[in-house]
Every structure is written in structure tokens, then in C-alpha cells.
Amino acid sequence: METDQDFLSWTEFNRVEMRVGTVLEVNDFPQAKKPAYQLTIDFGTEIGIRKTSAQITHKYQKEDLLNRQIVAVVNFPKKQIANFMSECLVLGAIEKGGEVVLLSPDFKVENGLRIG
């Protein structure tokens, strides 16, 4: 049963900066513990270019990700993953087997638009 403690406040939700970005570059990430890609993503002029790693190799080929718009959280602190610094968190639905299906807009939109 849900309690008031289970819910986020609107203030908490508004602090999460989910933004649309376009994948500019995709590289293999052999140093990662689990198969992953290193992504370079353009979030527009306000936020700029950010890098991240994503465990999405089961569903996506590198060429499928180039120029694809995705949704990511851009206001998490940077995180060291092996020899790579992750600067945002790509969002996706996690299937029962652990495979990730990326979240993305249905239509091309301006990079940096906020999800709300």
C-alpha cells in the first residue's frame, strides 16, 4: 500500500533535469564490466555536449544510435566508470532480462528541450 512517503513532491520532481539530446558519437567501451557503449550527446546550446556510457549493446548497434534523439538526466554528478567519466544518465525501460529500450521523442525536437 502506498503512503505519502512513497510519493515525490513536485519540488523534488522539478529538480530532475530530463532533456532531449542527439547522439553524435558512439564508441565501444571494452573496459566496462558489462557490455556498453560510450556516447557523446548534444543537448543544445544551454547544456552543450555531454558523454555517458550505456549498457545498450543487446538492443542497439552503433550505427542505429548515431543521430538518434534520446532522453537523459543531465543534473546528476559526474561518475567515474572504469577509465571514463560519465556526465549524464540515458533513460530507458528495463526489460525482465535487463535489456534497455531507450526513451526518445516520437518526432525530432530541439536538443535540450526539457521533459516535464
PDB file of N, CA and C in Angstrom:
ATOM      1  N   MET A   1       0.831  -1.184   0.000  1.00  0.00           N
ATOM      2  CA  MET A   1       0.000   0.000   0.000  1.00  0.00           C
ATOM      3  C   MET A   1       0.874   1.246   0.000  1.00  0.00           C
ATOM      4  N   GLU A   2       0.506   2.231  -0.803  1.00  0.00           N
ATOM      5  CA  GLU A   2       1.289   3.458  -0.891  1.00  0.00           C
ATOM      6  C   GLU A   2       0.999   4.377   0.283  1.00  0.00           C
ATOM      7  N   THR A   3       2.040   5.055   0.735  1.00  0.00           N
ATOM      8  CA  THR A   3       1.888   6.077   1.769  1.00  0.00           C
ATOM      9  C   THR A   3       2.383   7.388   1.195  1.00  0.00           C
ATOM     10  N   ASP A   4       2.158   8.457   1.902  1.00  0.00           N
ATOM     11  CA  ASP A   4       2.633   9.762   1.447  1.00  0.00           C
ATOM     12  C   ASP A   4       4.152   9.771   1.272  1.00  0.00           C
ATOM     13  N   GLN A   5       4.857   8.919   2.029  1.00  0.00           N
ATOM     14  CA  GLN A   5       6.310   8.861   1.917  1.00  0.00           C
ATOM     15  C   GLN A   5       6.753   8.238   0.597  1.00  0.00           C
ATOM     16  N   ASP A   6       5.879   7.507  -0.103  1.00  0.00           N
ATOM     17  CA  ASP A   6       6.221   6.873  -1.371  1.00  0.00           C
ATOM     18  C   ASP A   6       6.198   7.843  -2.543  1.00  0.00           C
ATOM     19  N   PHE A   7       5.588   9.012  -2.360  1.00  0.00           N
ATOM     20  CA  PHE A   7       5.415   9.948  -3.456  1.00  0.00           C
ATOM     21  C   PHE A   7       6.487  11.026  -3.442  1.00  0.00           C
ATOM     22  N   LEU A   8       6.898  11.433  -4.632  1.00  0.00           N
ATOM     23  CA  LEU A   8       7.772  12.594  -4.767  1.00  0.00           C
ATOM     24  C   LEU A   8       6.932  13.854  -4.649  1.00  0.00           C
ATOM     25  N   SER A   9       7.515  14.884  -4.137  1.00  0.00           N
ATOM     26  CA  SER A   9       6.843  16.184  -4.180  1.00  0.00           C
ATOM     27  C   SER A   9       7.100  16.791  -5.557  1.00  0.00           C
ATOM     28  N   TRP A  10       6.289  17.763  -5.927  1.00  0.00           N
ATOM     29  CA  TRP A  10       6.505  18.450  -7.202  1.00  0.00           C
ATOM     30  C   TRP A  10       7.863  19.135  -7.204  1.00  0.00           C
ATOM     31  N   THR A  11       8.284  19.628  -6.075  1.00  0.00           N
ATOM     32  CA  THR A  11       9.596  20.277  -5.971  1.00  0.00           C
ATOM     33  C   THR A  11      10.709  19.274  -6.276  1.00  0.00           C
ATOM     34  N   GLU A  12      10.596  18.071  -5.716  1.00  0.00           N
ATOM     35  CA  GLU A  12      11.600  17.032  -5.990  1.00  0.00           C
ATOM     36  C   GLU A  12      11.612  16.661  -7.468  1.00  0.00           C
ATOM     37  N   PHE A  13      10.444  16.443  -8.050  1.00  0.00           N
ATOM     38  CA  PHE A  13      10.362  16.082  -9.470  1.00  0.00           C
ATOM     39  C   PHE A  13      10.959  17.168 -10.355  1.00  0.00           C
ATOM     40  N   ASN A  14      10.667  18.420 -10.045  1.00  0.00           N
ATOM     41  CA  ASN A  14      11.162  19.539 -10.863  1.00  0.00           C
ATOM     42  C   ASN A  14      12.672  19.682 -10.811  1.00  0.00           C
ATOM     43  N   ARG A  15      13.318  19.105  -9.811  1.00  0.00           N
ATOM     44  CA  ARG A  15      14.777  19.158  -9.726  1.00  0.00           C
ATOM     45  C   ARG A  15      15.445  18.226 -10.726  1.00  0.00           C
ATOM     46  N   VAL A  16      14.731  17.204 -11.214  1.00  0.00           N
ATOM     47  CA  VAL A  16      15.298  16.241 -12.166  1.00  0.00           C
ATOM     48  C   VAL A  16      15.285  16.862 -13.554  1.00  0.00           C
ATOM     49  N   GLU A  17      16.462  17.101 -14.107  1.00  0.00           N
ATOM     50  CA  GLU A  17      16.603  17.725 -15.427  1.00  0.00           C
ATOM     51  C   GLU A  17      16.678  16.659 -16.507  1.00  0.00           C
ATOM     52  N   MET A  18      15.521  16.237 -17.009  1.00  0.00           N
ATOM     53  CA  MET A  18      15.472  15.290 -18.122  1.00  0.00           C
ATOM     54  C   MET A  18      15.416  16.108 -19.399  1.00  0.00           C
ATOM     55  N   ARG A  19      16.372  15.871 -20.280  1.00  0.00           N
ATOM     56  CA  ARG A  19      16.484  16.661 -21.507  1.00  0.00           C
ATOM     57  C   ARG A  19      16.633  15.748 -22.724  1.00  0.00           C
ATOM     58  N   VAL A  20      16.244  16.286 -23.877  1.00  0.00           N
ATOM     59  CA  VAL A  20      16.411  15.584 -25.154  1.00  0.00           C
ATOM     60  C   VAL A  20      17.769  15.958 -25.726  1.00  0.00           C
ATOM     61  N   GLY A  21      18.475  14.945 -26.233  1.00  0.00           N
ATOM     62  CA  GLY A  21      19.753  15.184 -26.886  1.00  0.00           C
ATOM     63  C   GLY A  21      19.918  14.271 -28.079  1.00  0.00           C
ATOM     64  N   THR A  22      20.832  14.633 -28.967  1.00  0.00           N
ATOM     65  CA  THR A  22      21.117  13.846 -30.161  1.00  0.00           C
ATOM     66  C   THR A  22      22.481  13.182 -30.025  1.00  0.00           C
ATOM     67  N   VAL A  23      22.527  11.886 -30.271  1.00  0.00           N
ATOM     68  CA  VAL A  23      23.767  11.128 -30.184  1.00  0.00           C
ATOM     69  C   VAL A  23      24.671  11.519 -31.362  1.00  0.00           C
ATOM     70  N   LEU A  24      25.860  12.028 -31.043  1.00  0.00           N
ATOM     71  CA  LEU A  24      26.822  12.456 -32.064  1.00  0.00           C
ATOM     72  C   LEU A  24      27.873  11.391 -32.357  1.00  0.00           C
ATOM     73  N   GLU A  25      28.211  10.618 -31.334  1.00  0.00           N
ATOM     74  CA  GLU A  25      29.301   9.648 -31.467  1.00  0.00           C
ATOM     75  C   GLU A  25      29.018   8.435 -30.582  1.00  0.00           C
ATOM     76  N   VAL A  26      29.365   7.255 -31.091  1.00  0.00           N
ATOM     77  CA  VAL A  26      29.194   6.004 -30.339  1.00  0.00           C
ATOM     78  C   VAL A  26      30.481   5.207 -30.455  1.00  0.00           C
ATOM     79  N   ASN A  27      31.027   4.799 -29.317  1.00  0.00           N
ATOM     80  CA  ASN A  27      32.254   4.001 -29.306  1.00  0.00           C
ATOM     81  C   ASN A  27      32.074   2.784 -28.403  1.00  0.00           C
ATOM     82  N   ASP A  28      32.771   1.711 -28.728  1.00  0.00           N
ATOM     83  CA  ASP A  28      32.794   0.549 -27.856  1.00  0.00           C
ATOM     84  C   ASP A  28      33.455   0.945 -26.537  1.00  0.00           C
ATOM     85  N   PHE A  29      33.117   0.229 -25.469  1.00  0.00           N
ATOM     86  CA  PHE A  29      33.664   0.516 -24.146  1.00  0.00           C
ATOM     87  C   PHE A  29      34.162  -0.792 -23.533  1.00  0.00           C
ATOM     88  N   PRO A  30      35.290  -1.319 -24.034  1.00  0.00           N
ATOM     89  CA  PRO A  30      35.773  -2.626 -23.586  1.00  0.00           C
ATOM     90  C   PRO A  30      36.174  -2.666 -22.108  1.00  0.00           C
ATOM     91  N   GLN A  31      36.447  -1.524 -21.478  1.00  0.00           N
ATOM     92  CA  GLN A  31      36.855  -1.506 -20.073  1.00  0.00           C
ATOM     93  C   GLN A  31      35.661  -1.642 -19.125  1.00  0.00           C
ATOM     94  N   ALA A  32      34.449  -1.507 -19.619  1.00  0.00           N
ATOM     95  CA  ALA A  32      33.253  -1.617 -18.762  1.00  0.00           C
ATOM     96  C   ALA A  32      33.086  -3.057 -18.285  1.00  0.00           C
ATOM     97  N   LYS A  33      32.525  -3.230 -17.080  1.00  0.00           N
ATOM     98  CA  LYS A  33      32.304  -4.571 -16.528  1.00  0.00           C
ATOM     99  C   LYS A  33      31.288  -5.351 -17.357  1.00  0.00           C
ATOM    100  N   LYS A  34      30.236  -4.655 -17.812  1.00  0.00           N
ATOM    101  CA  LYS A  34      29.215  -5.258 -18.669  1.00  0.00           C
ATOM    102  C   LYS A  34      29.291  -4.576 -20.027  1.00  0.00           C
ATOM    103  N   PRO A  35      28.903  -5.274 -21.114  1.00  0.00           N
ATOM    104  CA  PRO A  35      28.980  -4.658 -22.454  1.00  0.00           C
ATOM    105  C   PRO A  35      28.265  -3.309 -22.494  1.00  0.00           C
ATOM    106  N   ALA A  36      28.967  -2.309 -23.011  1.00  0.00           N
ATOM    107  CA  ALA A  36      28.418  -0.949 -23.032  1.00  0.00           C
ATOM    108  C   ALA A  36      29.034  -0.158 -24.181  1.00  0.00           C
ATOM    109  N   TYR A  37      28.378   0.947 -24.497  1.00  0.00           N
ATOM    110  CA  TYR A  37      28.902   1.927 -25.439  1.00  0.00           C
ATOM    111  C   TYR A  37      29.223   3.208 -24.679  1.00  0.00           C
ATOM    112  N   GLN A  38      30.167   3.972 -25.216  1.00  0.00           N
ATOM    113  CA  GLN A  38      30.399   5.340 -24.781  1.00  0.00           C
ATOM    114  C   GLN A  38      29.671   6.227 -25.783  1.00  0.00           C
ATOM    115  N   LEU A  39      28.821   7.122 -25.279  1.00  0.00           N
ATOM    116  CA  LEU A  39      28.033   8.004 -26.135  1.00  0.00           C
ATOM    117  C   LEU A  39      28.443   9.447 -25.919  1.00  0.00           C
ATOM    118  N   THR A  40      28.496  10.207 -27.006  1.00  0.00           N
ATOM    119  CA  THR A  40      28.656  11.654 -26.953  1.00  0.00           C
ATOM    120  C   THR A  40      27.347  12.243 -27.445  1.00  0.00           C
ATOM    121  N   ILE A  41      26.725  13.096 -26.619  1.00  0.00           N
ATOM    122  CA  ILE A  41      25.366  13.563 -26.873  1.00  0.00           C
ATOM    123  C   ILE A  41      25.321  15.089 -26.865  1.00  0.00           C
ATOM    124  N   ASP A  42      24.643  15.669 -27.852  1.00  0.00           N
ATOM    125  CA  ASP A  42      24.456  17.111 -27.951  1.00  0.00           C
ATOM    126  C   ASP A  42      23.127  17.492 -27.313  1.00  0.00           C
ATOM    127  N   PHE A  43      23.186  18.289 -26.229  1.00  0.00           N
ATOM    128  CA  PHE A  43      21.984  18.754 -25.540  1.00  0.00           C
ATOM    129  C   PHE A  43      21.683  20.220 -25.828  1.00  0.00           C
ATOM    130  N   GLY A  44      22.193  20.746 -26.930  1.00  0.00           N
ATOM    131  CA  GLY A  44      21.892  22.125 -27.312  1.00  0.00           C
ATOM    132  C   GLY A  44      22.818  23.135 -26.665  1.00  0.00           C
ATOM    133  N   THR A  45      22.578  24.402 -26.992  1.00  0.00           N
ATOM    134  CA  THR A  45      23.499  25.467 -26.585  1.00  0.00           C
ATOM    135  C   THR A  45      23.529  25.708 -25.080  1.00  0.00           C
ATOM    136  N   GLU A  46      22.410  25.541 -24.383  1.00  0.00           N
ATOM    137  CA  GLU A  46      22.365  25.806 -22.944  1.00  0.00           C
ATOM    138  C   GLU A  46      23.185  24.791 -22.145  1.00  0.00           C
ATOM    139  N   ILE A  47      23.116  23.518 -22.524  1.00  0.00           N
ATOM    140  CA  ILE A  47      23.776  22.449 -21.774  1.00  0.00           C
ATOM    141  C   ILE A  47      25.057  21.997 -22.454  1.00  0.00           C
ATOM    142  N   GLY A  48      25.043  21.928 -23.764  1.00  0.00           N
ATOM    143  CA  GLY A  48      26.230  21.551 -24.523  1.00  0.00           C
ATOM    144  C   GLY A  48      26.353  20.057 -24.751  1.00  0.00           C
ATOM    145  N   ILE A  49      27.579  19.621 -24.963  1.00  0.00           N
ATOM    146  CA  ILE A  49      27.902  18.229 -25.266  1.00  0.00           C
ATOM    147  C   ILE A  49      28.227  17.509 -23.961  1.00  0.00           C
ATOM    148  N   ARG A  50      27.642  16.328 -23.783  1.00  0.00           N
ATOM    149  CA  ARG A  50      27.922  15.502 -22.609  1.00  0.00           C
ATOM    150  C   ARG A  50      28.263  14.090 -23.074  1.00  0.00           C
ATOM    151  N   LYS A  51      29.022  13.388 -22.239  1.00  0.00           N
ATOM    152  CA  LYS A  51      29.383  11.997 -22.521  1.00  0.00           C
ATOM    153  C   LYS A  51      28.787  11.094 -21.450  1.00  0.00           C
ATOM    154  N   THR A  52      28.495   9.875 -21.839  1.00  0.00           N
ATOM    155  CA  THR A  52      27.997   8.883 -20.902  1.00  0.00           C
ATOM    156  C   THR A  52      28.289   7.495 -21.430  1.00  0.00           C
ATOM    157  N   SER A  53      28.115   6.513 -20.581  1.00  0.00           N
ATOM    158  CA  SER A  53      28.171   5.133 -21.046  1.00  0.00           C
ATOM    159  C   SER A  53      26.791   4.530 -20.841  1.00  0.00           C
ATOM    160  N   ALA A  54      26.457   3.561 -21.682  1.00  0.00           N
ATOM    161  CA  ALA A  54      25.138   2.936 -21.600  1.00  0.00           C
ATOM    162  C   ALA A  54      25.242   1.463 -21.952  1.00  0.00           C
ATOM    163  N   GLN A  55      24.610   0.631 -21.135  1.00  0.00           N
ATOM    164  CA  GLN A  55      24.590  -0.811 -21.365  1.00  0.00           C
ATOM    165  C   GLN A  55      23.420  -1.139 -22.289  1.00  0.00           C
ATOM    166  N   ILE A  56      23.586  -0.808 -23.560  1.00  0.00           N
ATOM    167  CA  ILE A  56      22.501  -0.957 -24.540  1.00  0.00           C
ATOM    168  C   ILE A  56      22.945  -1.758 -25.761  1.00  0.00           C
ATOM    169  N   THR A  57      24.017  -2.526 -25.602  1.00  0.00           N
ATOM    170  CA  THR A  57      24.591  -3.238 -26.752  1.00  0.00           C
ATOM    171  C   THR A  57      23.726  -4.394 -27.233  1.00  0.00           C
ATOM    172  N   HIS A  58      22.825  -4.919 -26.396  1.00  0.00           N
ATOM    173  CA  HIS A  58      21.988  -6.056 -26.804  1.00  0.00           C
ATOM    174  C   HIS A  58      20.909  -5.635 -27.797  1.00  0.00           C
ATOM    175  N   LYS A  59      20.397  -4.430 -27.653  1.00  0.00           N
ATOM    176  CA  LYS A  59      19.289  -3.974 -28.494  1.00  0.00           C
ATOM    177  C   LYS A  59      19.732  -3.063 -29.640  1.00  0.00           C
ATOM    178  N   TYR A  60      20.888  -2.411 -29.495  1.00  0.00           N
ATOM    179  CA  TYR A  60      21.275  -1.356 -30.436  1.00  0.00           C
ATOM    180  C   TYR A  60      22.664  -1.595 -31.017  1.00  0.00           C
ATOM    181  N   GLN A  61      22.771  -1.379 -32.311  1.00  0.00           N
ATOM    182  CA  GLN A  61      24.056  -1.345 -32.992  1.00  0.00           C
ATOM    183  C   GLN A  61      24.532   0.112 -32.996  1.00  0.00           C
ATOM    184  N   LYS A  62      25.830   0.320 -33.076  1.00  0.00           N
ATOM    185  CA  LYS A  62      26.375   1.678 -33.046  1.00  0.00           C
ATOM    186  C   LYS A  62      25.748   2.566 -34.114  1.00  0.00           C
ATOM    187  N   GLU A  63      25.615   2.033 -35.336  1.00  0.00           N
ATOM    188  CA  GLU A  63      25.078   2.851 -36.431  1.00  0.00           C
ATOM    189  C   GLU A  63      23.603   3.218 -36.214  1.00  0.00           C
ATOM    190  N   ASP A  64      22.868   2.420 -35.423  1.00  0.00           N
ATOM    191  CA  ASP A  64      21.465   2.729 -35.116  1.00  0.00           C
ATOM    192  C   ASP A  64      21.339   3.904 -34.146  1.00  0.00           C
ATOM    193  N   LEU A  65      22.374   4.167 -33.395  1.00  0.00           N
ATOM    194  CA  LEU A  65      22.334   5.211 -32.378  1.00  0.00           C
ATOM    195  C   LEU A  65      22.770   6.580 -32.895  1.00  0.00           C
ATOM    196  N   LEU A  66      23.599   6.601 -33.923  1.00  0.00           N
ATOM    197  CA  LEU A  66      24.084   7.872 -34.455  1.00  0.00           C
ATOM    198  C   LEU A  66      22.928   8.730 -34.937  1.00  0.00           C
ATOM    199  N   ASN A  67      22.913   9.989 -34.527  1.00  0.00           N
ATOM    200  CA  ASN A  67      21.896  10.986 -34.886  1.00  0.00           C
ATOM    201  C   ASN A  67      20.518  10.683 -34.306  1.00  0.00           C
ATOM    202  N   ARG A  68      20.429   9.733 -33.393  1.00  0.00           N
ATOM    203  CA  ARG A  68      19.164   9.401 -32.744  1.00  0.00           C
ATOM    204  C   ARG A  68      18.969  10.338 -31.550  1.00  0.00           C
ATOM    205  N   GLN A  69      17.757  10.808 -31.376  1.00  0.00           N
ATOM    206  CA  GLN A  69      17.454  11.612 -30.199  1.00  0.00           C
ATOM    207  C   GLN A  69      17.066  10.686 -29.049  1.00  0.00           C
ATOM    208  N   ILE A  70      17.571  11.001 -27.876  1.00  0.00           N
ATOM    209  CA  ILE A  70      17.314  10.208 -26.674  1.00  0.00           C
ATOM    210  C   ILE A  70      16.946  11.159 -25.538  1.00  0.00           C
ATOM    211  N   VAL A  71      16.549  10.589 -24.407  1.00  0.00           N
ATOM    212  CA  VAL A  71      16.245  11.367 -23.204  1.00  0.00           C
ATOM    213  C   VAL A  71      17.258  10.971 -22.131  1.00  0.00           C
ATOM    214  N   ALA A  72      17.783  11.973 -21.442  1.00  0.00           N
ATOM    215  CA  ALA A  72      18.760  11.707 -20.376  1.00  0.00           C
ATOM    216  C   ALA A  72      18.574  12.698 -19.236  1.00  0.00           C
ATOM    217  N   VAL A  73      19.014  12.285 -18.050  1.00  0.00           N
ATOM    218  CA  VAL A  73      19.083  13.181 -16.903  1.00  0.00           C
ATOM    219  C   VAL A  73      20.449  13.851 -16.958  1.00  0.00           C
ATOM    220  N   VAL A  74      20.460  15.195 -16.932  1.00  0.00           N
ATOM    221  CA  VAL A  74      21.721  15.921 -17.105  1.00  0.00           C
ATOM    222  C   VAL A  74      22.223  16.589 -15.828  1.00  0.00           C
ATOM    223  N   ASN A  75      21.489  16.445 -14.713  1.00  0.00           N
ATOM    224  CA  ASN A  75      21.950  17.124 -13.494  1.00  0.00           C
ATOM    225  C   ASN A  75      22.347  16.166 -12.373  1.00  0.00           C
ATOM    226  N   PHE A  76      22.805  14.970 -12.743  1.00  0.00           N
ATOM    227  CA  PHE A  76      23.457  14.092 -11.773  1.00  0.00           C
ATOM    228  C   PHE A  76      24.926  14.491 -11.681  1.00  0.00           C
ATOM    229  N   PRO A  77      25.581  14.200 -10.562  1.00  0.00           N
ATOM    230  CA  PRO A  77      27.027  14.443 -10.514  1.00  0.00           C
ATOM    231  C   PRO A  77      27.749  13.500 -11.475  1.00  0.00           C
ATOM    232  N   LYS A  78      28.906  13.915 -11.936  1.00  0.00           N
ATOM    233  CA  LYS A  78      29.712  13.060 -12.811  1.00  0.00           C
ATOM    234  C   LYS A  78      30.072  11.780 -12.062  1.00  0.00           C
ATOM    235  N   LYS A  79      30.232  10.686 -12.835  1.00  0.00           N
ATOM    236  CA  LYS A  79      30.543   9.392 -12.223  1.00  0.00           C
ATOM    237  C   LYS A  79      31.645   8.713 -13.025  1.00  0.00           C
ATOM    238  N   GLN A  80      32.685   8.279 -12.321  1.00  0.00           N
ATOM    239  CA  GLN A  80      33.787   7.554 -12.955  1.00  0.00           C
ATOM    240  C   GLN A  80      33.353   6.109 -13.201  1.00  0.00           C
ATOM    241  N   ILE A  81      33.433   5.662 -14.442  1.00  0.00           N
ATOM    242  CA  ILE A  81      33.138   4.280 -14.804  1.00  0.00           C
ATOM    243  C   ILE A  81      34.363   3.754 -15.546  1.00  0.00           C
ATOM    244  N   ALA A  82      35.104   2.865 -14.886  1.00  0.00           N
ATOM    245  CA  ALA A  82      36.391   2.389 -15.405  1.00  0.00           C
ATOM    246  C   ALA A  82      37.268   3.613 -15.676  1.00  0.00           C
ATOM    247  N   ASN A  83      37.753   3.770 -16.907  1.00  0.00           N
ATOM    248  CA  ASN A  83      38.629   4.900 -17.239  1.00  0.00           C
ATOM    249  C   ASN A  83      37.868   6.043 -17.907  1.00  0.00           C
ATOM    250  N   PHE A  84      36.558   6.122 -17.690  1.00  0.00           N
ATOM    251  CA  PHE A  84      35.684   7.044 -18.404  1.00  0.00           C
ATOM    252  C   PHE A  84      34.832   7.826 -17.409  1.00  0.00           C
ATOM    253  N   MET A  85      34.626   9.132 -17.670  1.00  0.00           N
ATOM    254  CA  MET A  85      33.800   9.962 -16.800  1.00  0.00           C
ATOM    255  C   MET A  85      32.434  10.163 -17.445  1.00  0.00           C
ATOM    256  N   SER A  86      31.391   9.642 -16.796  1.00  0.00           N
ATOM    257  CA  SER A  86      30.020   9.779 -17.270  1.00  0.00           C
ATOM    258  C   SER A  86      29.448  11.095 -16.769  1.00  0.00           C
ATOM    259  N   GLU A  87      28.811  11.856 -17.677  1.00  0.00           N
ATOM    260  CA  GLU A  87      28.324  13.195 -17.350  1.00  0.00           C
ATOM    261  C   GLU A  87      26.806  13.325 -17.386  1.00  0.00           C
ATOM    262  N   CYS A  88      26.097  12.256 -17.706  1.00  0.00           N
ATOM    263  CA  CYS A  88      24.639  12.263 -17.716  1.00  0.00           C
ATOM    264  C   CYS A  88      24.161  10.818 -17.658  1.00  0.00           C
ATOM    265  N   LEU A  89      22.849  10.627 -17.512  1.00  0.00           N
ATOM    266  CA  LEU A  89      22.277   9.287 -17.419  1.00  0.00           C
ATOM    267  C   LEU A  89      21.202   9.120 -18.480  1.00  0.00           C
ATOM    268  N   VAL A  90      21.464   8.274 -19.465  1.00  0.00           N
ATOM    269  CA  VAL A  90      20.496   7.978 -20.517  1.00  0.00           C
ATOM    270  C   VAL A  90      19.356   7.172 -19.902  1.00  0.00           C
ATOM    271  N   LEU A  91      18.124   7.504 -20.277  1.00  0.00           N
ATOM    272  CA  LEU A  91      16.955   6.842 -19.711  1.00  0.00           C
ATOM    273  C   LEU A  91      16.384   5.796 -20.657  1.00  0.00           C
ATOM    274  N   GLY A  92      15.906   4.708 -20.071  1.00  0.00           N
ATOM    275  CA  GLY A  92      15.296   3.654 -20.856  1.00  0.00           C
ATOM    276  C   GLY A  92      14.441   2.758 -19.984  1.00  0.00           C
ATOM    277  N   ALA A  93      13.605   1.977 -20.645  1.00  0.00           N
ATOM    278  CA  ALA A  93      12.795   0.975 -19.956  1.00  0.00           C
ATOM    279  C   ALA A  93      13.636  -0.282 -19.832  1.00  0.00           C
ATOM    280  N   ILE A  94      13.659  -0.874 -18.646  1.00  0.00           N
ATOM    281  CA  ILE A  94      14.481  -2.059 -18.400  1.00  0.00           C
ATOM    282  C   ILE A  94      13.581  -3.287 -18.443  1.00  0.00           C
ATOM    283  N   GLU A  95      13.856  -4.145 -19.412  1.00  0.00           N
ATOM    284  CA  GLU A  95      13.072  -5.360 -19.576  1.00  0.00           C
ATOM    285  C   GLU A  95      13.482  -6.399 -18.537  1.00  0.00           C
ATOM    286  N   LYS A  96      12.686  -7.470 -18.406  1.00  0.00           N
ATOM    287  CA  LYS A  96      12.940  -8.507 -17.397  1.00  0.00           C
ATOM    288  C   LYS A  96      14.345  -9.089 -17.487  1.00  0.00           C
ATOM    289  N   GLY A  97      14.866  -9.236 -18.693  1.00  0.00           N
ATOM    290  CA  GLY A  97      16.203  -9.780 -18.869  1.00  0.00           C
ATOM    291  C   GLY A  97      17.308  -8.763 -18.647  1.00  0.00           C
ATOM    292  N   GLY A  98      16.949  -7.519 -18.286  1.00  0.00           N
ATOM    293  CA  GLY A  98      17.933  -6.476 -18.040  1.00  0.00           C
ATOM    294  C   GLY A  98      18.277  -5.645 -19.262  1.00  0.00           C
ATOM    295  N   GLU A  99      17.702  -5.978 -20.424  1.00  0.00           N
ATOM    296  CA  GLU A  99      17.970  -5.195 -21.632  1.00  0.00           C
ATOM    297  C   GLU A  99      17.225  -3.865 -21.571  1.00  0.00           C
ATOM    298  N   VAL A 100      17.851  -2.827 -22.103  1.00  0.00           N
ATOM    299  CA  VAL A 100      17.319  -1.475 -22.021  1.00  0.00           C
ATOM    300  C   VAL A 100      16.757  -1.043 -23.375  1.00  0.00           C
ATOM    301  N   VAL A 101      15.554  -0.480 -23.350  1.00  0.00           N
ATOM    302  CA  VAL A 101      14.941   0.138 -24.528  1.00  0.00           C
ATOM    303  C   VAL A 101      14.942   1.639 -24.263  1.00  0.00           C
ATOM    304  N   LEU A 102      15.666   2.387 -25.088  1.00  0.00           N
ATOM    305  CA  LEU A 102      15.841   3.820 -24.875  1.00  0.00           C
ATOM    306  C   LEU A 102      14.538   4.596 -24.985  1.00  0.00           C
ATOM    307  N   LEU A 103      14.441   5.668 -24.187  1.00  0.00           N
ATOM    308  CA  LEU A 103      13.335   6.608 -24.310  1.00  0.00           C
ATOM    309  C   LEU A 103      13.732   7.670 -25.316  1.00  0.00           C
ATOM    310  N   SER A 104      12.814   8.000 -26.205  1.00  0.00           N
ATOM    311  CA  SER A 104      13.101   9.018 -27.204  1.00  0.00           C
ATOM    312  C   SER A 104      11.804   9.664 -27.667  1.00  0.00           C
ATOM    313  N   PRO A 105      11.882  10.914 -28.154  1.00  0.00           N
ATOM    314  CA  PRO A 105      10.671  11.573 -28.650  1.00  0.00           C
ATOM    315  C   PRO A 105      10.196  10.924 -29.951  1.00  0.00           C
ATOM    316  N   ASP A 106       8.881  10.996 -30.193  1.00  0.00           N
ATOM    317  CA  ASP A 106       8.302  10.452 -31.428  1.00  0.00           C
ATOM    318  C   ASP A 106       8.696  11.263 -32.651  1.00  0.00           C
ATOM    319  N   PHE A 107       8.940  12.554 -32.447  1.00  0.00           N
ATOM    320  CA  PHE A 107       9.292  13.454 -33.539  1.00  0.00           C
ATOM    321  C   PHE A 107      10.574  14.185 -33.185  1.00  0.00           C
ATOM    322  N   LYS A 108      11.327  14.610 -34.196  1.00  0.00           N
ATOM    323  CA  LYS A 108      12.551  15.363 -33.959  1.00  0.00           C
ATOM    324  C   LYS A 108      12.184  16.693 -33.303  1.00  0.00           C
ATOM    325  N   VAL A 109      12.893  16.986 -32.213  1.00  0.00           N
ATOM    326  CA  VAL A 109      12.676  18.231 -31.490  1.00  0.00           C
ATOM    327  C   VAL A 109      14.033  18.909 -31.266  1.00  0.00           C
ATOM    328  N   GLU A 110      13.995  20.109 -30.749  1.00  0.00           N
ATOM    329  CA  GLU A 110      15.215  20.861 -30.477  1.00  0.00           C
ATOM    330  C   GLU A 110      16.001  20.183 -29.361  1.00  0.00           C
ATOM    331  N   ASN A 111      17.299  20.047 -29.544  1.00  0.00           N
ATOM    332  CA  ASN A 111      18.155  19.489 -28.500  1.00  0.00           C
ATOM    333  C   ASN A 111      18.085  20.381 -27.259  1.00  0.00           C
ATOM    334  N   GLY A 112      18.019  19.745 -26.110  1.00  0.00           N
ATOM    335  CA  GLY A 112      17.977  20.465 -24.846  1.00  0.00           C
ATOM    336  C   GLY A 112      16.594  20.676 -24.292  1.00  0.00           C
ATOM    337  N   LEU A 113      15.543  20.357 -25.076  1.00  0.00           N
ATOM    338  CA  LEU A 113      14.195  20.536 -24.538  1.00  0.00           C
ATOM    339  C   LEU A 113      14.022  19.695 -23.287  1.00  0.00           C
ATOM    340  N   ARG A 114      13.359  20.292 -22.314  1.00  0.00           N
ATOM    341  CA  ARG A 114      13.153  19.625 -21.023  1.00  0.00           C
ATOM    342  C   ARG A 114      11.934  18.717 -21.082  1.00  0.00           C
ATOM    343  N   ILE A 115      12.060  17.566 -20.439  1.00  0.00           N
ATOM    344  CA  ILE A 115      10.951  16.645 -20.277  1.00  0.00           C
ATOM    345  C   ILE A 115      10.257  17.014 -18.977  1.00  0.00           C
ATOM    346  N   GLY A 116       8.961  17.111 -18.989  1.00  0.00           N
ATOM    347  CA  GLY A 116       8.266  17.501 -17.772  1.00  0.00           C
ATOM    348  C   GLY A 116       6.885  16.950 -17.700  1.00  0.00           C
TER     349      GLY A 116
END
